[in-house]
């Protein structure tokens, strides 16, 4: 599965990445990198031969499309050669900081958002502020503010979600609900439009002897998505943003009445038998396979399984978990994909910016859509999508959420250790080993410790 390993390893590597960043801090004494001047002309303006080196971790079908896009960029700019270094996400995590601090740094890199990675690179002065390029190319107008904000930092790397732009992408991810159309119809139900209706569908599936939510949490990361899906029904989007970005430091708390309600609701679903049996012992890949084979009404996960279920499938559908009230704005976990950043040591930053502009163009988006990638450009409408297919429903849902500013960043970005704290806590919560209050207290302790350290 092309995109599963990416988000799974992202979270699993967070603690290790922070440890590496704090123990090996090449370039950390350089201070903030200086922004390049705004170019008088966009595109590749130099005429001499230029080679730019690009490091990325794309795999599968996306990797193949990137090869095509790189060749197209070279054809448009015959004096430019793209030296692509494609590594696994794990390799990229372990060597990227050292590589961009060394004497032969790449020009463009996929730098993961969040405290453990991009924040450390910004703090060490290893990435260029891209505001002037963004102004010249219109990047700020190309995507909603909440998309670009997840790649913004103050130059000292101390504040996330505000300040200068250090990476840009127009592709995104979305967590939502896949459903089995035939099973929903068999139960005499339609796609729910409120949270209460979604719960009614779960109850109907249970009564009919079917699995309400196909789920496997052996790999831990699915728990973060399942928790967020319920949590987002109870807490406002503004709270999620403040919490994840840490904009109010330790003044934002996790142990709120709303989060306690969400935790109690998740345990209620477990006690009612709405999830697949023995879900804590089932792997994620297996749960997706079971759902594909008809063993489950719903599956809560991201757009990355489109390739597994079939982009042109009419057997499955997709929707965002509905709000509490009919007609309310839907909110779902989603985020910009890995942004492209320019390293501080690049000697060809103008060419690198032109490359990023091409890789995030509408033409590039059209080529990436069949792979399940979500275009986040507000001006782009994909073509060649068959109505009624799974891909069409997923893209329509993503577009609506994007337009309504309803995408919430991944909660595990909240602190360097938050992934382990959250997913371990969700396993304990759904395993009925802790109370909602104990679950919230454990997570609050992690958040409080990190945010307090930032205020000193």
Protein backbone atom coordinates (compact mmCIF):
# COMPACT_ATOMS: atom_id res chain seq x y z
CA UNK A 1 0.00 0.00 0.00
CA UNK A 2 1.75 3.10 -1.24
CA UNK A 3 0.60 5.71 1.24
CA UNK A 4 0.02 3.62 4.35
CA UNK A 5 3.67 3.14 5.19
CA UNK A 6 4.22 6.84 4.83
CA UNK A 7 1.85 7.99 7.58
CA UNK A 8 2.59 4.96 9.74
CA UNK A 9 6.34 5.48 9.58
CA UNK A 10 5.87 9.21 9.95
CA UNK A 11 4.39 8.69 13.35
CA UNK A 12 6.58 5.79 14.41
CA UNK A 13 9.67 7.78 13.57
CA UNK A 14 8.69 10.97 15.35
CA UNK A 15 10.44 10.26 18.63
CA UNK A 16 13.53 8.89 16.95
CA UNK A 17 13.67 11.88 14.62
CA UNK A 18 13.63 14.29 17.52
CA UNK A 19 16.39 12.36 19.28
CA UNK A 20 18.50 12.51 16.14
CA UNK A 21 17.86 16.20 15.76
CA UNK A 22 18.90 17.01 19.30
CA UNK A 23 21.96 14.76 19.34
CA UNK A 24 23.21 15.67 15.87
CA UNK A 25 22.62 19.31 15.18
CA UNK A 26 24.84 20.21 12.24
CA UNK A 27 24.10 23.75 11.19
CA UNK A 28 22.29 24.53 14.41
CA UNK A 29 24.65 27.41 15.11
CA UNK A 30 23.92 29.05 11.79
CA UNK A 31 20.78 30.78 13.01
CA UNK A 32 17.74 31.44 10.82
CA UNK A 33 18.30 31.23 7.07
CA UNK A 34 17.89 34.45 5.09
CA UNK A 35 15.04 34.58 2.59
CA UNK A 36 16.06 34.90 -1.07
CA UNK A 37 14.94 38.13 -2.76
CA UNK A 38 11.70 38.10 -4.70
CA UNK A 39 12.56 37.17 -8.32
CA UNK A 40 11.80 39.81 -10.95
CA UNK A 41 10.70 37.03 -13.31
CA UNK A 42 9.29 33.62 -12.52
CA UNK A 43 10.36 30.38 -14.13
CA UNK A 44 13.87 29.32 -15.12
CA UNK A 45 15.65 32.49 -16.22
CA UNK A 46 19.25 31.26 -16.27
CA UNK A 47 20.59 29.92 -19.57
CA UNK A 48 23.64 28.05 -18.36
CA UNK A 49 23.40 24.30 -17.67
CA UNK A 50 22.01 23.69 -14.18
CA UNK A 51 21.51 20.51 -12.18
CA UNK A 52 19.18 20.49 -9.21
CA UNK A 53 19.12 17.56 -6.82
CA UNK A 54 15.76 16.53 -5.41
CA UNK A 55 15.24 14.15 -2.49
CA UNK A 56 11.82 12.52 -2.12
CA UNK A 57 10.18 9.43 -0.63
CA UNK A 58 7.36 8.84 -3.11
CA UNK A 59 6.55 5.22 -3.90
CA UNK A 60 4.41 3.10 -6.22
CA UNK A 61 2.19 4.88 -8.71
CA UNK A 62 3.05 8.31 -7.32
CA UNK A 63 6.75 7.63 -7.82
CA UNK A 64 6.12 6.77 -11.48
CA UNK A 65 4.20 10.01 -12.02
CA UNK A 66 7.04 11.98 -10.43
CA UNK A 67 9.42 10.48 -12.99
CA UNK A 68 7.13 11.76 -15.75
CA UNK A 69 6.86 15.20 -14.15
CA UNK A 70 10.63 15.50 -13.81
CA UNK A 71 11.10 14.63 -17.48
CA UNK A 72 8.47 17.19 -18.46
CA UNK A 73 10.25 19.89 -16.41
CA UNK A 74 13.52 19.09 -18.20
CA UNK A 75 11.78 19.26 -21.58
CA UNK A 76 10.35 22.68 -20.71
CA UNK A 77 13.78 23.80 -19.53
CA UNK A 78 16.42 22.03 -21.68
CA UNK A 79 19.31 23.51 -19.71
CA UNK A 80 18.07 21.98 -16.45
CA UNK A 81 18.76 18.44 -15.26
CA UNK A 82 16.82 17.00 -12.35
CA UNK A 83 18.91 14.61 -10.26
CA UNK A 84 16.30 12.67 -8.36
CA UNK A 85 17.29 10.83 -5.18
CA UNK A 86 14.39 8.60 -4.19
CA UNK A 87 14.64 7.06 -0.74
CA UNK A 88 12.31 5.23 1.58
CA UNK A 89 10.64 7.37 4.17
CA UNK A 90 12.72 5.72 6.88
CA UNK A 91 15.96 6.49 5.07
CA UNK A 92 14.86 10.03 4.43
CA UNK A 93 14.08 10.51 8.12
CA UNK A 94 17.45 9.17 9.25
CA UNK A 95 19.78 10.99 6.83
CA UNK A 96 17.98 14.09 5.54
CA UNK A 97 19.09 16.48 8.29
CA UNK A 98 22.71 15.42 7.90
CA UNK A 99 22.50 15.64 4.11
CA UNK A 100 21.14 19.19 3.97
CA UNK A 101 23.69 20.34 6.54
CA UNK A 102 26.61 18.80 4.63
CA UNK A 103 28.81 20.23 1.88
CA UNK A 104 26.81 18.70 -0.99
CA UNK A 105 23.26 19.45 0.10
CA UNK A 106 20.35 18.74 -2.24
CA UNK A 107 18.38 21.69 -3.59
CA UNK A 108 14.82 20.49 -2.99
CA UNK A 109 13.62 18.06 -0.33
CA UNK A 110 10.36 16.66 0.96
CA UNK A 111 10.49 17.91 4.54
CA UNK A 112 7.82 16.48 6.81
CA UNK A 113 5.78 19.01 8.76
CA UNK A 114 5.68 19.08 12.53
CA UNK A 115 7.93 19.59 15.53
CA UNK A 116 10.30 16.63 15.05
CA UNK A 117 11.35 17.38 11.46
CA UNK A 118 10.62 20.67 9.75
CA UNK A 119 10.69 22.53 13.04
CA UNK A 120 14.18 21.23 13.81
CA UNK A 121 15.41 22.06 10.31
CA UNK A 122 14.05 25.60 10.50
CA UNK A 123 15.59 26.10 13.94
CA UNK A 124 18.97 24.93 12.59
CA UNK A 125 18.76 27.33 9.63
CA UNK A 126 18.73 24.48 7.11
CA UNK A 127 15.67 25.56 5.07
CA UNK A 128 14.99 28.77 3.18
CA UNK A 129 11.96 30.95 3.94
CA UNK A 130 9.83 30.82 0.77
CA UNK A 131 7.59 33.87 1.25
CA UNK A 132 9.12 35.86 -1.61
CA UNK A 133 8.79 32.91 -3.99
CA UNK A 134 5.24 32.32 -2.79
CA UNK A 135 4.39 35.96 -3.56
CA UNK A 136 5.99 35.79 -7.01
CA UNK A 137 4.28 32.54 -8.01
CA UNK A 138 0.99 33.12 -6.22
CA UNK A 139 1.29 30.09 -3.96
CA UNK A 140 -0.57 31.73 -1.11
CA UNK A 141 -3.55 32.20 -3.42
CA UNK A 142 -3.37 28.69 -4.83
CA UNK A 143 -4.35 26.87 -1.64
CA UNK A 144 -6.42 27.80 1.42
CA UNK A 145 -4.60 29.33 4.38
CA UNK A 146 -5.01 26.21 6.51
CA UNK A 147 -3.05 24.22 3.92
CA UNK A 148 -0.02 26.52 3.79
CA UNK A 149 -0.09 27.18 7.53
CA UNK A 150 1.09 23.66 8.37
CA UNK A 151 4.40 24.52 6.69
CA UNK A 152 4.86 27.87 8.40
CA UNK A 153 7.21 28.59 11.29
CA UNK A 154 8.77 31.54 12.99
CA UNK A 155 12.39 31.70 11.74
CA UNK A 156 13.71 30.51 15.11
CA UNK A 157 11.60 27.34 14.84
CA UNK A 158 9.83 28.06 18.10
CA UNK A 159 6.30 28.62 16.79
CA UNK A 160 4.40 26.33 14.45
CA UNK A 161 1.57 27.43 12.17
CA UNK A 162 2.61 31.06 11.95
CA UNK A 163 5.48 33.05 10.49
CA UNK A 164 7.27 32.28 7.22
CA UNK A 165 6.55 29.55 4.68
CA UNK A 166 9.21 26.82 4.61
CA UNK A 167 7.57 24.31 2.27
CA UNK A 168 4.80 24.19 -0.31
CA UNK A 169 2.47 21.56 -1.74
CA UNK A 170 -0.88 21.55 -3.47
CA UNK A 171 -1.57 17.88 -2.73
CA UNK A 172 -3.26 16.61 0.37
CA UNK A 173 -4.62 13.75 2.41
CA UNK A 174 -8.02 13.13 3.97
CA UNK A 175 -9.38 10.69 6.53
CA UNK A 176 -13.04 9.79 6.05
CA UNK A 177 -15.55 6.97 5.95
CA UNK A 178 -15.58 4.31 3.25
CA UNK A 179 -18.82 2.37 3.04
CA UNK A 180 -20.12 -0.80 1.41
CA UNK A 181 -22.97 0.37 -0.82
CA UNK A 182 -24.72 -2.99 -1.08
CA UNK A 183 -24.62 -3.57 2.67
CA UNK A 184 -25.95 -0.10 3.42
CA UNK A 185 -28.83 -0.72 1.01
CA UNK A 186 -29.44 -4.18 2.48
CA UNK A 187 -29.88 -2.57 5.89
CA UNK A 188 -32.42 -0.17 4.41
CA UNK A 189 -30.23 2.86 5.09
CA UNK A 190 -28.89 5.83 3.17
CA UNK A 191 -25.63 7.72 3.64
CA UNK A 192 -25.92 9.40 7.06
CA UNK A 193 -25.99 13.18 7.22
CA UNK A 194 -25.75 13.53 11.00
CA UNK A 195 -23.64 11.85 13.66
CA UNK A 196 -26.78 10.36 15.19
CA UNK A 197 -27.67 8.74 11.87
CA UNK A 198 -24.16 7.31 11.65
CA UNK A 199 -24.63 5.74 15.08
CA UNK A 200 -28.01 4.39 14.01
CA UNK A 201 -26.31 2.69 11.07
CA UNK A 202 -23.79 1.11 13.45
CA UNK A 203 -26.60 -0.19 15.63
CA UNK A 204 -28.46 -1.58 12.60
CA UNK A 205 -25.33 -3.38 11.41
CA UNK A 206 -24.77 -4.90 14.85
CA UNK A 207 -28.39 -6.07 15.05
CA UNK A 208 -28.05 -7.71 11.62
CA UNK A 209 -24.93 -9.55 12.72
CA UNK A 210 -22.57 -7.49 10.60
CA UNK A 211 -19.40 -5.57 11.44
CA UNK A 212 -20.22 -1.89 11.81
CA UNK A 213 -16.67 -0.52 11.55
CA UNK A 214 -13.99 -2.76 10.09
CA UNK A 215 -10.95 -1.94 12.19
CA UNK A 216 -7.53 -3.22 13.12
CA UNK A 217 -5.29 -1.34 15.56
CA UNK A 218 -2.33 -3.68 15.96
CA UNK A 219 -0.18 -1.13 14.11
CA UNK A 220 -1.33 1.66 16.44
CA UNK A 221 -1.60 4.49 13.88
CA UNK A 222 -5.25 3.72 12.91
CA UNK A 223 -6.24 4.54 16.48
CA UNK A 224 -5.23 8.17 16.03
CA UNK A 225 -7.56 8.46 13.03
CA UNK A 226 -10.46 6.69 14.74
CA UNK A 227 -10.11 8.83 17.85
CA UNK A 228 -9.96 12.05 15.82
CA UNK A 229 -13.06 11.10 13.83
CA UNK A 230 -15.08 10.99 17.04
CA UNK A 231 -13.25 13.84 18.78
CA UNK A 232 -13.95 16.24 15.90
CA UNK A 233 -17.70 15.86 16.48
CA UNK A 234 -17.32 17.31 19.99
CA UNK A 235 -14.59 19.94 19.82
CA UNK A 236 -14.52 22.96 17.51
CA UNK A 237 -12.05 23.18 14.66
CA UNK A 238 -10.49 26.25 16.26
CA UNK A 239 -9.60 24.22 19.37
CA UNK A 240 -7.95 21.55 17.23
CA UNK A 241 -5.86 24.15 15.43
CA UNK A 242 -4.79 25.90 18.64
CA UNK A 243 -3.92 22.58 20.25
CA UNK A 244 -1.94 21.10 17.36
CA UNK A 245 0.01 24.25 16.53
CA UNK A 246 0.51 25.14 20.18
CA UNK A 247 -0.32 28.76 19.40
CA UNK A 248 -1.48 29.32 22.98
CA UNK A 249 1.28 27.25 24.51
CA UNK A 250 0.14 25.48 27.71
CA UNK A 251 -3.06 27.53 27.94
CA UNK A 252 -4.81 24.99 25.72
CA UNK A 253 -5.66 21.80 27.58
CA UNK A 254 -6.58 18.31 26.40
CA UNK A 255 -8.55 17.23 29.48
CA UNK A 256 -11.65 19.20 28.51
CA UNK A 257 -15.28 18.11 28.98
CA UNK A 258 -15.61 17.77 25.21
CA UNK A 259 -12.65 15.41 24.92
CA UNK A 260 -13.96 13.39 27.85
CA UNK A 261 -17.30 13.09 26.04
CA UNK A 262 -15.55 11.90 22.90
CA UNK A 263 -13.53 9.33 24.86
CA UNK A 264 -16.68 8.05 26.54
CA UNK A 265 -18.41 7.77 23.17
CA UNK A 266 -15.56 5.73 21.72
CA UNK A 267 -15.71 3.35 24.66
CA UNK A 268 -19.48 3.13 24.25
CA UNK A 269 -18.99 1.97 20.66
CA UNK A 270 -16.56 -0.69 21.83
CA UNK A 271 -18.97 -1.94 24.51
CA UNK A 272 -21.80 -2.02 21.94
CA UNK A 273 -19.73 -4.23 19.66
CA UNK A 274 -19.62 -1.78 16.75
CA UNK A 275 -16.01 -2.60 15.83
CA UNK A 276 -14.57 -5.75 14.28
CA UNK A 277 -13.88 -8.52 16.81
CA UNK A 278 -10.40 -8.58 18.40
CA UNK A 279 -9.51 -5.33 16.67
CA UNK A 280 -6.46 -4.73 18.88
CA UNK A 281 -4.87 -7.91 17.47
CA UNK A 282 -5.68 -7.21 13.80
CA UNK A 283 -3.21 -5.47 11.49
CA UNK A 284 -4.21 -2.47 9.41
CA UNK A 285 -3.52 -4.15 6.06
CA UNK A 286 -5.69 -7.08 7.09
CA UNK A 287 -8.56 -4.79 8.11
CA UNK A 288 -8.50 -3.09 4.70
CA UNK A 289 -8.47 -6.51 3.02
CA UNK A 290 -11.42 -7.68 5.13
CA UNK A 291 -13.40 -4.59 4.22
CA UNK A 292 -12.60 -5.06 0.55
CA UNK A 293 -14.00 -8.60 0.83
CA UNK A 294 -17.30 -7.36 2.27
CA UNK A 295 -16.64 -7.83 5.97
CA UNK A 296 -17.77 -4.48 7.32
CA UNK A 297 -20.22 -1.66 6.67
CA UNK A 298 -17.73 1.17 7.27
CA UNK A 299 -13.96 1.68 7.22
CA UNK A 300 -12.43 4.80 8.80
CA UNK A 301 -9.16 5.64 7.04
CA UNK A 302 -7.52 7.89 4.48
CA UNK A 303 -7.45 8.48 0.75
CA UNK A 304 -4.35 6.30 0.44
CA UNK A 305 -6.46 3.11 0.17
CA UNK A 306 -8.16 4.28 -3.02
CA UNK A 307 -5.66 2.22 -5.00
CA UNK A 308 -6.53 -0.87 -2.94
CA UNK A 309 -10.30 -0.55 -3.18
CA UNK A 310 -10.21 0.64 -6.79
CA UNK A 311 -10.41 4.22 -8.03
CA UNK A 312 -13.17 3.27 -10.48
CA UNK A 313 -15.03 1.07 -8.01
CA UNK A 314 -18.79 1.50 -7.70
CA UNK A 315 -18.95 -1.08 -4.93
CA UNK A 316 -17.67 1.34 -2.30
CA UNK A 317 -18.42 4.97 -1.49
CA UNK A 318 -16.84 7.68 0.63
CA UNK A 319 -18.10 10.47 2.87
CA UNK A 320 -16.85 12.67 5.68
CA UNK A 321 -18.10 11.63 9.11
CA UNK A 322 -21.13 13.92 9.44
CA UNK A 323 -21.54 16.74 11.96
CA UNK A 324 -23.81 16.65 14.98
CA UNK A 325 -26.44 18.86 13.35
CA UNK A 326 -27.87 18.46 9.85
CA UNK A 327 -26.42 21.08 7.56
CA UNK A 328 -23.45 21.73 9.82
CA UNK A 329 -19.95 22.08 8.44
CA UNK A 330 -18.20 18.73 8.25
CA UNK A 331 -14.70 18.53 9.74
CA UNK A 332 -12.21 15.75 9.07
CA UNK A 333 -8.58 15.00 9.70
CA UNK A 334 -6.62 15.94 6.65
CA UNK A 335 -3.51 17.78 5.76
CA UNK A 336 -1.23 18.95 3.09
CA UNK A 337 0.94 16.16 1.77
CA UNK A 338 4.69 16.36 2.23
CA UNK A 339 5.73 19.84 1.14
CA UNK A 340 8.70 20.63 -1.06
CA UNK A 341 11.31 22.79 0.64
CA UNK A 342 14.46 24.53 -0.61
CA UNK A 343 17.59 23.94 1.39
CA UNK A 344 19.60 26.87 2.71
CA UNK A 345 22.73 25.65 0.92
CA UNK A 346 21.13 25.44 -2.53
CA UNK A 347 23.06 27.44 -5.11
CA UNK A 348 20.10 27.34 -7.50
CA UNK A 349 17.19 28.48 -5.35
CA UNK A 350 15.43 30.31 -8.21
CA UNK A 351 15.47 27.15 -10.35
CA UNK A 352 14.39 25.13 -7.33
CA UNK A 353 11.42 27.46 -6.85
CA UNK A 354 10.45 27.05 -10.51
CA UNK A 355 10.63 23.27 -10.00
CA UNK A 356 8.35 23.44 -6.96
CA UNK A 357 5.91 25.59 -8.92
CA UNK A 358 5.81 22.97 -11.67
CA UNK A 359 5.38 20.04 -9.28
CA UNK A 360 2.43 21.82 -7.64
CA UNK A 361 0.83 23.02 -10.86
CA UNK A 362 -2.64 22.08 -12.05
CA UNK A 363 -1.05 20.01 -14.81
CA UNK A 364 0.86 18.00 -12.23
CA UNK A 365 -2.28 17.63 -10.12
CA UNK A 366 -4.17 16.17 -13.08
CA UNK A 367 -1.49 13.53 -13.54
CA UNK A 368 -1.52 12.65 -9.83
CA UNK A 369 -5.29 12.41 -9.36
CA UNK A 370 -5.66 8.80 -10.60
CA UNK A 371 -3.22 7.70 -7.87
CA UNK A 372 -5.65 8.90 -5.18
CA UNK A 373 -3.79 12.13 -4.49
CA UNK A 374 -6.08 14.98 -3.45
CA UNK A 375 -5.59 18.27 -5.27
CA UNK A 376 -5.87 21.21 -2.88
CA UNK A 377 -5.66 24.02 -5.42
CA UNK A 378 -8.84 26.08 -5.18
CA UNK A 379 -8.75 26.79 -8.92
CA UNK A 380 -8.27 23.22 -10.11
CA UNK A 381 -11.02 20.86 -11.20
CA UNK A 382 -9.86 17.38 -12.26
CA UNK A 383 -11.02 15.99 -15.57
CA UNK A 384 -11.62 12.44 -16.71
CA UNK A 385 -13.19 11.34 -13.42
CA UNK A 386 -16.12 8.96 -13.87
CA UNK A 387 -19.21 10.00 -11.95
CA UNK A 388 -20.34 7.62 -9.23
CA UNK A 389 -16.94 6.04 -8.71
CA UNK A 390 -15.12 5.86 -5.40
CA UNK A 391 -12.47 8.31 -6.60
CA UNK A 392 -15.12 10.81 -7.67
CA UNK A 393 -16.84 10.68 -4.27
CA UNK A 394 -13.58 11.04 -2.37
CA UNK A 395 -12.46 14.01 -4.47
CA UNK A 396 -15.86 15.70 -4.16
CA UNK A 397 -15.75 15.28 -0.39
CA UNK A 398 -12.23 16.65 -0.19
CA UNK A 399 -13.12 19.64 -2.35
CA UNK A 400 -16.09 20.54 -0.18
CA UNK A 401 -14.09 20.25 3.02
CA UNK A 402 -11.28 22.27 1.50
CA UNK A 403 -13.64 25.05 0.44
CA UNK A 404 -15.23 25.13 3.91
CA UNK A 405 -11.87 25.15 5.69
CA UNK A 406 -12.89 21.87 7.31
CA UNK A 407 -9.55 20.03 7.18
CA UNK A 408 -7.92 19.50 10.57
CA UNK A 409 -4.18 18.70 10.75
CA UNK A 410 -2.92 15.41 12.14
CA UNK A 411 -3.12 15.57 15.92
CA UNK A 412 0.13 13.67 16.38
CA UNK A 413 1.97 16.83 15.25
CA UNK A 414 1.13 18.42 18.61
CA UNK A 415 4.37 17.46 20.39
CA UNK A 416 7.49 15.49 19.45
CA UNK A 417 6.25 12.46 21.45
CA UNK A 418 2.54 12.90 20.91
CA UNK A 419 2.11 10.05 18.44
CA UNK A 420 3.22 7.41 20.95
CA UNK A 421 1.24 9.01 23.76
CA UNK A 422 -1.94 9.33 21.72
CA UNK A 423 -1.96 5.96 19.96
CA UNK A 424 -0.95 4.10 23.12
CA UNK A 425 -3.66 5.97 24.99
CA UNK A 426 -6.28 5.10 22.37
CA UNK A 427 -5.33 1.42 22.57
CA UNK A 428 -5.79 1.54 26.34
CA UNK A 429 -9.05 3.47 25.98
CA UNK A 430 -10.55 1.14 23.38
CA UNK A 431 -9.22 -1.89 25.23
CA UNK A 432 -11.25 -0.63 28.21
CA UNK A 433 -8.11 -0.60 30.34
CA UNK A 434 -8.43 3.07 31.36
CA UNK A 435 -11.26 5.50 32.00
CA UNK A 436 -11.84 8.53 29.78
CA UNK A 437 -10.43 10.72 32.56
CA UNK A 438 -7.26 8.62 32.83
CA UNK A 439 -6.85 8.69 29.05
CA UNK A 440 -7.18 12.46 28.95
CA UNK A 441 -4.85 12.94 31.91
CA UNK A 442 -2.03 10.95 30.31
CA UNK A 443 -2.23 12.96 27.11
CA UNK A 444 -2.51 16.24 29.00
CA UNK A 445 0.71 15.42 30.86
CA UNK A 446 2.61 14.98 27.56
CA UNK A 447 1.23 18.19 26.13
CA UNK A 448 1.76 20.21 29.31
CA UNK A 449 5.37 19.09 29.61
CA UNK A 450 6.25 20.07 26.05
CA UNK A 451 4.35 23.33 25.95
CA UNK A 452 5.75 24.43 29.31
CA UNK A 453 9.26 23.83 28.00
CA UNK A 454 8.55 26.17 25.09
CA UNK A 455 7.61 29.07 27.39
CA UNK A 456 10.96 29.11 29.19
